[in-house]
Amino acid sequence: FYFNEDFALGYKSDYVNYRYFISLFEKDYVNSLLNFDELFGGFPSPVYIIFFSLLRKISFNDTVLRLIVLHLSLLIPFFFYQSLKIKYDFKIKDIKFLLPAIIFFSPYFRSASIWAGHENIALIFLSISLYFFFKYEKTEKKKLAYIFFNTFFLALAAYIKPSYSLFGIYFFIRYY
């Protein structure tokens, strides 16, 4: 964060574009939303721009906004670990508990965390969705709340990155 790492080459320029998109949204919210494809070419998702603008209003500063997203990105390895723990029954002295640490070696994860990339926000919601899916599969008493939370967080992930909607087909088949 201190050195503004961008090994993935492009997240810094995307961040500058996101700030521009937010300024257009702040000037004329309704017109920007209705003409989103013409103004932005459909990239990134309007849900992400709305999320980004809310974070910007809370933080009042670009550095604080980036720090918030950086710390929110830590939820990805956390929920990844929780999902693996449910799926594979990790023990305390088992070396497999270090598996989620591999995520930190990815330059894409680090760059998207530092520069508030939409991929990490979508991955946060996808990892939470997978966590509730594994909770549903593991319990003997199937709870409707797990299905609801799985679907809710998958919908949030799919609104930010539409390719994640394909997981919905898999989840539907598994639930059926």
N, C-alpha and C. Protein backbone atom coordinates (compact mmCIF):
# COMPACT_ATOMS: atom_id res chain seq x y z
N PHE A 1 0.83 -1.20 0.00
CA PHE A 1 0.00 0.00 0.00
C PHE A 1 0.88 1.26 0.00
N TYR A 2 1.90 1.22 0.79
CA TYR A 2 2.80 2.37 0.90
C TYR A 2 3.49 2.67 -0.42
N PHE A 3 3.89 1.62 -1.15
CA PHE A 3 4.60 1.79 -2.42
C PHE A 3 3.67 1.82 -3.63
N ASN A 4 2.34 1.79 -3.40
CA ASN A 4 1.35 1.80 -4.48
C ASN A 4 1.58 0.67 -5.48
N GLU A 5 1.73 -0.53 -4.97
CA GLU A 5 2.00 -1.70 -5.81
C GLU A 5 0.90 -1.88 -6.84
N ASP A 6 1.30 -2.13 -8.08
CA ASP A 6 0.36 -2.44 -9.16
C ASP A 6 1.02 -3.43 -10.11
N PHE A 7 1.42 -4.58 -9.58
CA PHE A 7 2.08 -5.59 -10.41
C PHE A 7 1.16 -6.14 -11.49
N ALA A 8 -0.13 -6.07 -11.28
CA ALA A 8 -1.07 -6.58 -12.27
C ALA A 8 -1.23 -5.62 -13.44
N LEU A 9 -0.69 -4.42 -13.32
CA LEU A 9 -0.68 -3.41 -14.39
C LEU A 9 -2.09 -3.09 -14.89
N GLY A 10 -2.70 -2.13 -14.29
CA GLY A 10 -4.00 -1.69 -14.76
C GLY A 10 -4.95 -1.29 -13.65
N TYR A 11 -4.70 -1.74 -12.45
CA TYR A 11 -5.60 -1.42 -11.36
C TYR A 11 -5.53 0.06 -10.98
N LYS A 12 -4.37 0.65 -11.10
CA LYS A 12 -4.23 2.06 -10.78
C LYS A 12 -5.01 2.92 -11.78
N SER A 13 -4.91 2.59 -13.06
CA SER A 13 -5.68 3.34 -14.06
C SER A 13 -7.18 3.07 -13.93
N ASP A 14 -7.56 1.86 -13.57
CA ASP A 14 -8.97 1.57 -13.31
C ASP A 14 -9.49 2.40 -12.15
N TYR A 15 -8.67 2.55 -11.12
CA TYR A 15 -9.07 3.34 -9.97
C TYR A 15 -9.32 4.79 -10.36
N VAL A 16 -8.50 5.34 -11.22
CA VAL A 16 -8.69 6.72 -11.70
C VAL A 16 -10.00 6.80 -12.49
N ASN A 17 -10.28 5.77 -13.30
CA ASN A 17 -11.54 5.74 -14.05
C ASN A 17 -12.74 5.65 -13.12
N TYR A 18 -12.64 4.83 -12.07
CA TYR A 18 -13.74 4.70 -11.11
C TYR A 18 -14.06 6.04 -10.47
N ARG A 19 -13.02 6.77 -10.13
CA ARG A 19 -13.25 8.10 -9.53
C ARG A 19 -13.97 9.02 -10.51
N TYR A 20 -13.61 8.93 -11.79
CA TYR A 20 -14.29 9.72 -12.81
C TYR A 20 -15.76 9.30 -12.94
N PHE A 21 -16.01 8.00 -12.95
CA PHE A 21 -17.38 7.50 -13.04
C PHE A 21 -18.22 7.98 -11.86
N ILE A 22 -17.63 7.99 -10.69
CA ILE A 22 -18.35 8.44 -9.49
C ILE A 22 -18.68 9.91 -9.59
N SER A 23 -17.77 10.69 -10.14
CA SER A 23 -18.07 12.13 -10.29
C SER A 23 -19.24 12.33 -11.25
N LEU A 24 -19.34 11.51 -12.29
CA LEU A 24 -20.50 11.59 -13.19
C LEU A 24 -21.79 11.19 -12.47
N PHE A 25 -21.69 10.14 -11.64
CA PHE A 25 -22.85 9.71 -10.87
C PHE A 25 -23.30 10.79 -9.89
N GLU A 26 -22.35 11.45 -9.26
CA GLU A 26 -22.70 12.48 -8.28
C GLU A 26 -23.34 13.70 -8.93
N LYS A 27 -22.95 14.01 -10.16
CA LYS A 27 -23.54 15.16 -10.86
C LYS A 27 -24.98 14.88 -11.28
N ASP A 28 -25.21 13.73 -11.89
CA ASP A 28 -26.55 13.39 -12.37
C ASP A 28 -26.76 11.88 -12.22
N TYR A 29 -27.24 11.48 -11.06
CA TYR A 29 -27.37 10.07 -10.71
C TYR A 29 -28.31 9.33 -11.66
N VAL A 30 -29.50 9.86 -11.88
CA VAL A 30 -30.52 9.16 -12.67
C VAL A 30 -30.07 9.02 -14.12
N ASN A 31 -29.59 10.11 -14.71
CA ASN A 31 -29.15 10.06 -16.10
C ASN A 31 -27.95 9.13 -16.28
N SER A 32 -27.04 9.13 -15.33
CA SER A 32 -25.88 8.24 -15.41
C SER A 32 -26.30 6.79 -15.32
N LEU A 33 -27.28 6.49 -14.49
CA LEU A 33 -27.74 5.11 -14.34
C LEU A 33 -28.51 4.65 -15.57
N LEU A 34 -29.34 5.54 -16.12
CA LEU A 34 -30.13 5.17 -17.29
C LEU A 34 -29.27 5.03 -18.55
N ASN A 35 -28.22 5.80 -18.66
CA ASN A 35 -27.34 5.76 -19.83
C ASN A 35 -25.99 5.13 -19.49
N PHE A 36 -26.00 4.16 -18.62
CA PHE A 36 -24.75 3.58 -18.12
C PHE A 36 -23.92 2.96 -19.24
N ASP A 37 -24.55 2.20 -20.13
CA ASP A 37 -23.79 1.55 -21.21
C ASP A 37 -23.15 2.56 -22.15
N GLU A 38 -23.85 3.63 -22.44
CA GLU A 38 -23.28 4.64 -23.34
C GLU A 38 -22.14 5.40 -22.69
N LEU A 39 -22.28 5.73 -21.42
CA LEU A 39 -21.25 6.51 -20.73
C LEU A 39 -20.02 5.70 -20.36
N PHE A 40 -20.24 4.47 -19.89
CA PHE A 40 -19.15 3.69 -19.32
C PHE A 40 -18.82 2.43 -20.11
N GLY A 41 -19.60 2.12 -21.13
CA GLY A 41 -19.34 0.90 -21.88
C GLY A 41 -19.69 -0.36 -21.11
N GLY A 42 -20.50 -0.23 -20.09
CA GLY A 42 -20.92 -1.40 -19.30
C GLY A 42 -19.88 -1.89 -18.31
N PHE A 43 -18.78 -1.16 -18.17
CA PHE A 43 -17.73 -1.60 -17.26
C PHE A 43 -17.35 -0.47 -16.33
N PRO A 44 -17.26 -0.64 -15.11
CA PRO A 44 -17.66 -1.77 -14.27
C PRO A 44 -19.17 -1.75 -14.03
N SER A 45 -19.62 -2.63 -13.19
CA SER A 45 -21.03 -2.74 -12.87
C SER A 45 -21.53 -1.48 -12.16
N PRO A 46 -22.77 -1.06 -12.44
CA PRO A 46 -23.31 0.09 -11.71
C PRO A 46 -23.44 -0.16 -10.21
N VAL A 47 -23.62 -1.41 -9.82
CA VAL A 47 -23.69 -1.74 -8.40
C VAL A 47 -22.35 -1.45 -7.73
N TYR A 48 -21.26 -1.76 -8.43
CA TYR A 48 -19.94 -1.46 -7.87
C TYR A 48 -19.72 0.04 -7.77
N ILE A 49 -20.15 0.78 -8.77
CA ILE A 49 -19.99 2.24 -8.74
C ILE A 49 -20.78 2.83 -7.57
N ILE A 50 -21.98 2.32 -7.33
CA ILE A 50 -22.79 2.78 -6.20
C ILE A 50 -22.09 2.42 -4.88
N PHE A 51 -21.57 1.19 -4.79
CA PHE A 51 -20.83 0.76 -3.60
C PHE A 51 -19.60 1.63 -3.38
N PHE A 52 -18.88 1.88 -4.45
CA PHE A 52 -17.66 2.70 -4.40
C PHE A 52 -18.01 4.12 -3.97
N SER A 53 -19.10 4.67 -4.49
CA SER A 53 -19.48 6.04 -4.12
C SER A 53 -19.90 6.13 -2.66
N LEU A 54 -20.57 5.08 -2.15
CA LEU A 54 -20.92 5.06 -0.72
C LEU A 54 -19.67 5.02 0.15
N LEU A 55 -18.70 4.20 -0.24
CA LEU A 55 -17.45 4.16 0.51
C LEU A 55 -16.72 5.50 0.44
N ARG A 56 -16.80 6.15 -0.70
CA ARG A 56 -16.14 7.44 -0.85
C ARG A 56 -16.77 8.50 0.04
N LYS A 57 -18.10 8.46 0.18
CA LYS A 57 -18.79 9.40 1.06
C LYS A 57 -18.46 9.15 2.53
N ILE A 58 -18.28 7.89 2.88
CA ILE A 58 -17.94 7.55 4.26
C ILE A 58 -16.52 7.97 4.59
N SER A 59 -15.60 7.76 3.64
CA SER A 59 -14.19 7.96 3.94
C SER A 59 -13.71 9.39 3.77
N PHE A 60 -14.31 10.17 2.88
CA PHE A 60 -13.94 11.57 2.62
C PHE A 60 -12.52 11.72 2.06
N ASN A 61 -11.81 10.64 1.81
CA ASN A 61 -10.43 10.73 1.39
C ASN A 61 -10.10 9.47 0.59
N ASP A 62 -9.36 9.61 -0.50
CA ASP A 62 -9.03 8.45 -1.32
C ASP A 62 -8.15 7.44 -0.60
N THR A 63 -7.24 7.91 0.21
CA THR A 63 -6.36 7.00 0.95
C THR A 63 -7.15 6.18 1.95
N VAL A 64 -8.06 6.81 2.64
CA VAL A 64 -8.89 6.09 3.61
C VAL A 64 -9.80 5.10 2.89
N LEU A 65 -10.34 5.49 1.75
CA LEU A 65 -11.18 4.59 0.96
C LEU A 65 -10.39 3.36 0.55
N ARG A 66 -9.18 3.56 0.07
CA ARG A 66 -8.35 2.43 -0.34
C ARG A 66 -7.98 1.56 0.86
N LEU A 67 -7.77 2.15 2.02
CA LEU A 67 -7.48 1.36 3.22
C LEU A 67 -8.69 0.53 3.64
N ILE A 68 -9.88 1.10 3.50
CA ILE A 68 -11.11 0.36 3.83
C ILE A 68 -11.23 -0.86 2.93
N VAL A 69 -11.04 -0.66 1.63
CA VAL A 69 -11.14 -1.79 0.68
C VAL A 69 -10.03 -2.81 0.93
N LEU A 70 -8.84 -2.32 1.26
CA LEU A 70 -7.73 -3.23 1.58
C LEU A 70 -8.10 -4.13 2.76
N HIS A 71 -8.69 -3.56 3.78
CA HIS A 71 -9.06 -4.37 4.94
C HIS A 71 -10.30 -5.22 4.68
N LEU A 72 -11.21 -4.74 3.86
CA LEU A 72 -12.35 -5.58 3.47
C LEU A 72 -11.89 -6.79 2.67
N SER A 73 -10.83 -6.63 1.90
CA SER A 73 -10.31 -7.73 1.09
C SER A 73 -9.77 -8.87 1.96
N LEU A 74 -9.45 -8.59 3.20
CA LEU A 74 -9.00 -9.64 4.10
C LEU A 74 -10.10 -10.64 4.43
N LEU A 75 -11.34 -10.28 4.10
CA LEU A 75 -12.44 -11.22 4.31
C LEU A 75 -12.36 -12.40 3.34
N ILE A 76 -11.72 -12.21 2.20
CA ILE A 76 -11.62 -13.31 1.22
C ILE A 76 -10.86 -14.49 1.79
N PRO A 77 -9.60 -14.32 2.26
CA PRO A 77 -8.93 -15.49 2.84
C PRO A 77 -9.61 -16.00 4.10
N PHE A 78 -10.25 -15.11 4.86
CA PHE A 78 -10.93 -15.55 6.08
C PHE A 78 -12.08 -16.49 5.74
N PHE A 79 -12.96 -16.09 4.82
CA PHE A 79 -14.09 -16.95 4.47
C PHE A 79 -13.65 -18.16 3.66
N PHE A 80 -12.55 -18.03 2.91
CA PHE A 80 -11.99 -19.18 2.23
C PHE A 80 -11.53 -20.22 3.25
N TYR A 81 -10.86 -19.76 4.30
CA TYR A 81 -10.42 -20.65 5.38
C TYR A 81 -11.63 -21.28 6.08
N GLN A 82 -12.64 -20.47 6.38
CA GLN A 82 -13.82 -21.00 7.06
C GLN A 82 -14.52 -22.06 6.21
N SER A 83 -14.57 -21.82 4.90
CA SER A 83 -15.20 -22.79 3.99
C SER A 83 -14.39 -24.09 3.94
N LEU A 84 -13.08 -23.97 3.85
CA LEU A 84 -12.24 -25.17 3.84
C LEU A 84 -12.34 -25.94 5.15
N LYS A 85 -12.44 -25.21 6.25
CA LYS A 85 -12.56 -25.84 7.57
C LYS A 85 -13.86 -26.65 7.65
N ILE A 86 -14.94 -26.11 7.10
CA ILE A 86 -16.21 -26.83 7.11
C ILE A 86 -16.15 -28.05 6.19
N LYS A 87 -15.59 -27.85 5.02
CA LYS A 87 -15.57 -28.90 4.00
C LYS A 87 -14.64 -30.05 4.36
N TYR A 88 -13.46 -29.74 4.92
CA TYR A 88 -12.45 -30.76 5.12
C TYR A 88 -12.08 -31.04 6.57
N ASP A 89 -12.78 -30.47 7.52
CA ASP A 89 -12.56 -30.73 8.95
C ASP A 89 -11.09 -30.57 9.35
N PHE A 90 -10.58 -29.34 9.26
CA PHE A 90 -9.20 -29.06 9.65
C PHE A 90 -9.01 -29.30 11.14
N LYS A 91 -7.87 -29.82 11.49
CA LYS A 91 -7.48 -29.96 12.88
C LYS A 91 -6.53 -28.82 13.24
N ILE A 92 -6.30 -28.61 14.53
CA ILE A 92 -5.47 -27.49 14.98
C ILE A 92 -4.02 -27.62 14.49
N LYS A 93 -3.46 -28.80 14.53
CA LYS A 93 -2.05 -28.98 14.14
C LYS A 93 -1.91 -29.43 12.69
N ASP A 94 -2.94 -29.28 11.92
CA ASP A 94 -2.91 -29.66 10.52
C ASP A 94 -2.31 -28.53 9.69
N ILE A 95 -1.40 -28.86 8.80
CA ILE A 95 -0.72 -27.85 7.99
C ILE A 95 -1.65 -27.24 6.94
N LYS A 96 -2.76 -27.88 6.66
CA LYS A 96 -3.68 -27.38 5.63
C LYS A 96 -4.31 -26.04 6.00
N PHE A 97 -4.24 -25.66 7.27
CA PHE A 97 -4.84 -24.38 7.65
C PHE A 97 -4.07 -23.21 7.05
N LEU A 98 -2.86 -23.44 6.54
CA LEU A 98 -2.09 -22.39 5.88
C LEU A 98 -2.47 -22.20 4.40
N LEU A 99 -3.32 -23.07 3.87
CA LEU A 99 -3.71 -23.01 2.46
C LEU A 99 -4.27 -21.66 2.02
N PRO A 100 -5.13 -21.01 2.79
CA PRO A 100 -5.62 -19.69 2.35
C PRO A 100 -4.55 -18.61 2.26
N ALA A 101 -3.40 -18.82 2.86
CA ALA A 101 -2.32 -17.84 2.77
C ALA A 101 -1.75 -17.73 1.36
N ILE A 102 -2.02 -18.71 0.51
CA ILE A 102 -1.57 -18.66 -0.88
C ILE A 102 -2.18 -17.45 -1.59
N ILE A 103 -3.35 -17.04 -1.18
CA ILE A 103 -4.02 -15.90 -1.79
C ILE A 103 -3.15 -14.65 -1.72
N PHE A 104 -2.41 -14.48 -0.66
CA PHE A 104 -1.59 -13.29 -0.48
C PHE A 104 -0.42 -13.21 -1.47
N PHE A 105 -0.06 -14.32 -2.10
CA PHE A 105 1.01 -14.31 -3.09
C PHE A 105 0.54 -13.83 -4.46
N SER A 106 -0.75 -13.75 -4.66
CA SER A 106 -1.29 -13.34 -5.95
C SER A 106 -1.14 -11.83 -6.15
N PRO A 107 -0.45 -11.42 -7.22
CA PRO A 107 -0.34 -9.98 -7.48
C PRO A 107 -1.69 -9.35 -7.82
N TYR A 108 -2.59 -10.15 -8.37
CA TYR A 108 -3.92 -9.62 -8.70
C TYR A 108 -4.71 -9.32 -7.44
N PHE A 109 -4.62 -10.22 -6.47
CA PHE A 109 -5.31 -9.98 -5.19
C PHE A 109 -4.75 -8.74 -4.51
N ARG A 110 -3.42 -8.64 -4.45
CA ARG A 110 -2.81 -7.49 -3.77
C ARG A 110 -3.12 -6.19 -4.50
N SER A 111 -3.01 -6.18 -5.82
CA SER A 111 -3.28 -4.95 -6.58
C SER A 111 -4.74 -4.54 -6.47
N ALA A 112 -5.64 -5.51 -6.58
CA ALA A 112 -7.07 -5.20 -6.47
C ALA A 112 -7.42 -4.74 -5.06
N SER A 113 -6.70 -5.23 -4.06
CA SER A 113 -6.93 -4.79 -2.68
C SER A 113 -6.45 -3.37 -2.48
N ILE A 114 -5.30 -3.06 -3.02
CA ILE A 114 -4.71 -1.73 -2.84
C ILE A 114 -5.45 -0.67 -3.64
N TRP A 115 -5.87 -1.02 -4.85
CA TRP A 115 -6.49 -0.03 -5.74
C TRP A 115 -8.00 -0.19 -5.83
N ALA A 116 -8.63 -0.83 -4.88
CA ALA A 116 -10.09 -0.94 -4.78
C ALA A 116 -10.71 -1.53 -6.03
N GLY A 117 -10.16 -2.65 -6.49
CA GLY A 117 -10.68 -3.30 -7.68
C GLY A 117 -12.01 -3.99 -7.43
N HIS A 118 -12.84 -4.00 -8.46
CA HIS A 118 -14.16 -4.60 -8.31
C HIS A 118 -14.09 -6.12 -8.17
N GLU A 119 -13.01 -6.73 -8.62
CA GLU A 119 -12.88 -8.18 -8.53
C GLU A 119 -12.86 -8.65 -7.07
N ASN A 120 -12.14 -7.93 -6.23
CA ASN A 120 -12.06 -8.34 -4.83
C ASN A 120 -13.38 -8.16 -4.10
N ILE A 121 -14.11 -7.10 -4.42
CA ILE A 121 -15.41 -6.91 -3.78
C ILE A 121 -16.35 -8.05 -4.18
N ALA A 122 -16.32 -8.42 -5.45
CA ALA A 122 -17.15 -9.54 -5.90
C ALA A 122 -16.69 -10.85 -5.26
N LEU A 123 -15.38 -11.03 -5.12
CA LEU A 123 -14.87 -12.25 -4.49
C LEU A 123 -15.23 -12.34 -3.00
N ILE A 124 -15.32 -11.20 -2.35
CA ILE A 124 -15.76 -11.20 -0.95
C ILE A 124 -17.15 -11.81 -0.85
N PHE A 125 -18.05 -11.31 -1.68
CA PHE A 125 -19.43 -11.80 -1.65
C PHE A 125 -19.52 -13.26 -2.11
N LEU A 126 -18.69 -13.64 -3.09
CA LEU A 126 -18.69 -15.04 -3.54
C LEU A 126 -18.17 -15.97 -2.45
N SER A 127 -17.12 -15.57 -1.74
CA SER A 127 -16.59 -16.43 -0.68
C SER A 127 -17.58 -16.56 0.48
N ILE A 128 -18.31 -15.50 0.78
CA ILE A 128 -19.35 -15.59 1.82
C ILE A 128 -20.47 -16.51 1.35
N SER A 129 -20.82 -16.41 0.08
CA SER A 129 -21.85 -17.29 -0.49
C SER A 129 -21.43 -18.75 -0.41
N LEU A 130 -20.19 -19.04 -0.76
CA LEU A 130 -19.68 -20.41 -0.67
C LEU A 130 -19.67 -20.91 0.78
N TYR A 131 -19.35 -20.02 1.70
CA TYR A 131 -19.35 -20.39 3.12
C TYR A 131 -20.74 -20.87 3.54
N PHE A 132 -21.78 -20.12 3.17
CA PHE A 132 -23.13 -20.54 3.55
C PHE A 132 -23.58 -21.79 2.81
N PHE A 133 -23.09 -21.98 1.59
CA PHE A 133 -23.40 -23.21 0.86
C PHE A 133 -22.80 -24.42 1.57
N PHE A 134 -21.55 -24.31 1.99
CA PHE A 134 -20.92 -25.42 2.71
C PHE A 134 -21.57 -25.65 4.07
N LYS A 135 -22.00 -24.58 4.73
CA LYS A 135 -22.72 -24.73 6.00
C LYS A 135 -24.01 -25.51 5.77
N TYR A 136 -24.71 -25.21 4.67
CA TYR A 136 -25.94 -25.92 4.36
C TYR A 136 -25.67 -27.39 4.10
N GLU A 137 -24.64 -27.68 3.33
CA GLU A 137 -24.34 -29.06 2.99
C GLU A 137 -23.88 -29.87 4.21
N LYS A 138 -23.20 -29.22 5.13
CA LYS A 138 -22.62 -29.94 6.27
C LYS A 138 -23.66 -30.27 7.35
N THR A 139 -24.66 -29.42 7.52
CA THR A 139 -25.62 -29.63 8.59
C THR A 139 -26.63 -30.71 8.20
N GLU A 140 -27.06 -31.46 9.19
CA GLU A 140 -28.07 -32.49 8.95
C GLU A 140 -29.46 -31.88 8.86
N LYS A 141 -29.69 -30.86 9.68
CA LYS A 141 -30.97 -30.17 9.63
C LYS A 141 -30.82 -29.01 8.65
N LYS A 142 -31.32 -29.20 7.44
CA LYS A 142 -31.15 -28.21 6.38
C LYS A 142 -31.94 -26.96 6.70
N LYS A 143 -31.25 -25.85 6.83
CA LYS A 143 -31.89 -24.60 7.22
C LYS A 143 -32.11 -23.71 6.00
N LEU A 144 -33.28 -23.14 5.93
CA LEU A 144 -33.61 -22.24 4.84
C LEU A 144 -32.79 -20.96 4.89
N ALA A 145 -32.34 -20.56 6.08
CA ALA A 145 -31.53 -19.35 6.22
C ALA A 145 -30.21 -19.48 5.46
N TYR A 146 -29.61 -20.68 5.46
CA TYR A 146 -28.37 -20.87 4.72
C TYR A 146 -28.58 -20.68 3.22
N ILE A 147 -29.69 -21.19 2.71
CA ILE A 147 -30.02 -21.02 1.29
C ILE A 147 -30.25 -19.54 0.99
N PHE A 148 -30.96 -18.87 1.86
CA PHE A 148 -31.22 -17.44 1.66
C PHE A 148 -29.92 -16.64 1.62
N PHE A 149 -29.06 -16.83 2.61
CA PHE A 149 -27.80 -16.08 2.65
C PHE A 149 -26.88 -16.45 1.49
N ASN A 150 -26.87 -17.72 1.11
CA ASN A 150 -26.10 -18.15 -0.05
C ASN A 150 -26.57 -17.42 -1.30
N THR A 151 -27.86 -17.37 -1.51
CA THR A 151 -28.42 -16.72 -2.69
C THR A 151 -28.22 -15.21 -2.64
N PHE A 152 -28.39 -14.62 -1.48
CA PHE A 152 -28.23 -13.17 -1.34
C PHE A 152 -26.80 -12.73 -1.67
N PHE A 153 -25.81 -13.40 -1.08
CA PHE A 153 -24.42 -13.01 -1.32
C PHE A 153 -23.97 -13.38 -2.73
N LEU A 154 -24.51 -14.46 -3.29
CA LEU A 154 -24.20 -14.78 -4.68
C LEU A 154 -24.78 -13.72 -5.62
N ALA A 155 -25.98 -13.23 -5.31
CA ALA A 155 -26.57 -12.17 -6.13
C ALA A 155 -25.73 -10.90 -6.07
N LEU A 156 -25.24 -10.55 -4.89
CA LEU A 156 -24.36 -9.37 -4.78
C LEU A 156 -23.09 -9.56 -5.60
N ALA A 157 -22.50 -10.76 -5.53
CA ALA A 157 -21.29 -11.04 -6.31
C ALA A 157 -21.58 -10.98 -7.80
N ALA A 158 -22.73 -11.53 -8.20
CA ALA A 158 -23.08 -11.55 -9.63
C ALA A 158 -23.44 -10.17 -10.15
N TYR A 159 -23.98 -9.29 -9.31
CA TYR A 159 -24.26 -7.93 -9.76
C TYR A 159 -22.97 -7.15 -9.99
N ILE A 160 -21.94 -7.47 -9.24
CA ILE A 160 -20.67 -6.76 -9.42
C ILE A 160 -19.86 -7.40 -10.55
N LYS A 161 -19.85 -8.73 -10.62
CA LYS A 161 -19.13 -9.44 -11.68
C LYS A 161 -20.09 -10.51 -12.22
N PRO A 162 -20.76 -10.23 -13.34
CA PRO A 162 -21.84 -11.10 -13.84
C PRO A 162 -21.44 -12.55 -14.11
N SER A 163 -20.18 -12.83 -14.36
CA SER A 163 -19.78 -14.21 -14.63
C SER A 163 -20.00 -15.12 -13.41
N TYR A 164 -20.06 -14.56 -12.23
CA TYR A 164 -20.30 -15.36 -11.03
C TYR A 164 -21.73 -15.88 -10.93
N SER A 165 -22.60 -15.40 -11.80
CA SER A 165 -23.98 -15.88 -11.78
C SER A 165 -24.06 -17.36 -12.19
N LEU A 166 -23.03 -17.86 -12.85
CA LEU A 166 -23.02 -19.28 -13.23
C LEU A 166 -22.99 -20.19 -12.01
N PHE A 167 -22.46 -19.70 -10.89
CA PHE A 167 -22.51 -20.50 -9.66
C PHE A 167 -23.95 -20.77 -9.24
N GLY A 168 -24.86 -19.88 -9.58
CA GLY A 168 -26.26 -20.05 -9.24
C GLY A 168 -26.84 -21.32 -9.84
N ILE A 169 -26.41 -21.67 -11.04
CA ILE A 169 -26.88 -22.91 -11.68
C ILE A 169 -26.42 -24.12 -10.87
N TYR A 170 -25.16 -24.11 -10.49
CA TYR A 170 -24.63 -25.21 -9.68
C TYR A 170 -25.36 -25.31 -8.34
N PHE A 171 -25.53 -24.17 -7.67
CA PHE A 171 -26.21 -24.19 -6.37
C PHE A 171 -27.65 -24.67 -6.52
N PHE A 172 -28.32 -24.23 -7.56
CA PHE A 172 -29.71 -24.65 -7.78
C PHE A 172 -29.80 -26.17 -7.96
N ILE A 173 -28.89 -26.72 -8.74
CA ILE A 173 -28.88 -28.17 -8.96
C ILE A 173 -28.61 -28.91 -7.65
N ARG A 174 -27.66 -28.42 -6.89
CA ARG A 174 -27.33 -29.05 -5.60
C ARG A 174 -28.49 -28.96 -4.60
N TYR A 175 -29.17 -27.82 -4.58
CA TYR A 175 -30.30 -27.68 -3.66
C TYR A 175 -31.47 -28.52 -4.10
N TYR A 176 -31.65 -28.65 -5.39
CA TYR A 176 -32.79 -29.42 -5.91
C TYR A 176 -32.56 -30.89 -5.63
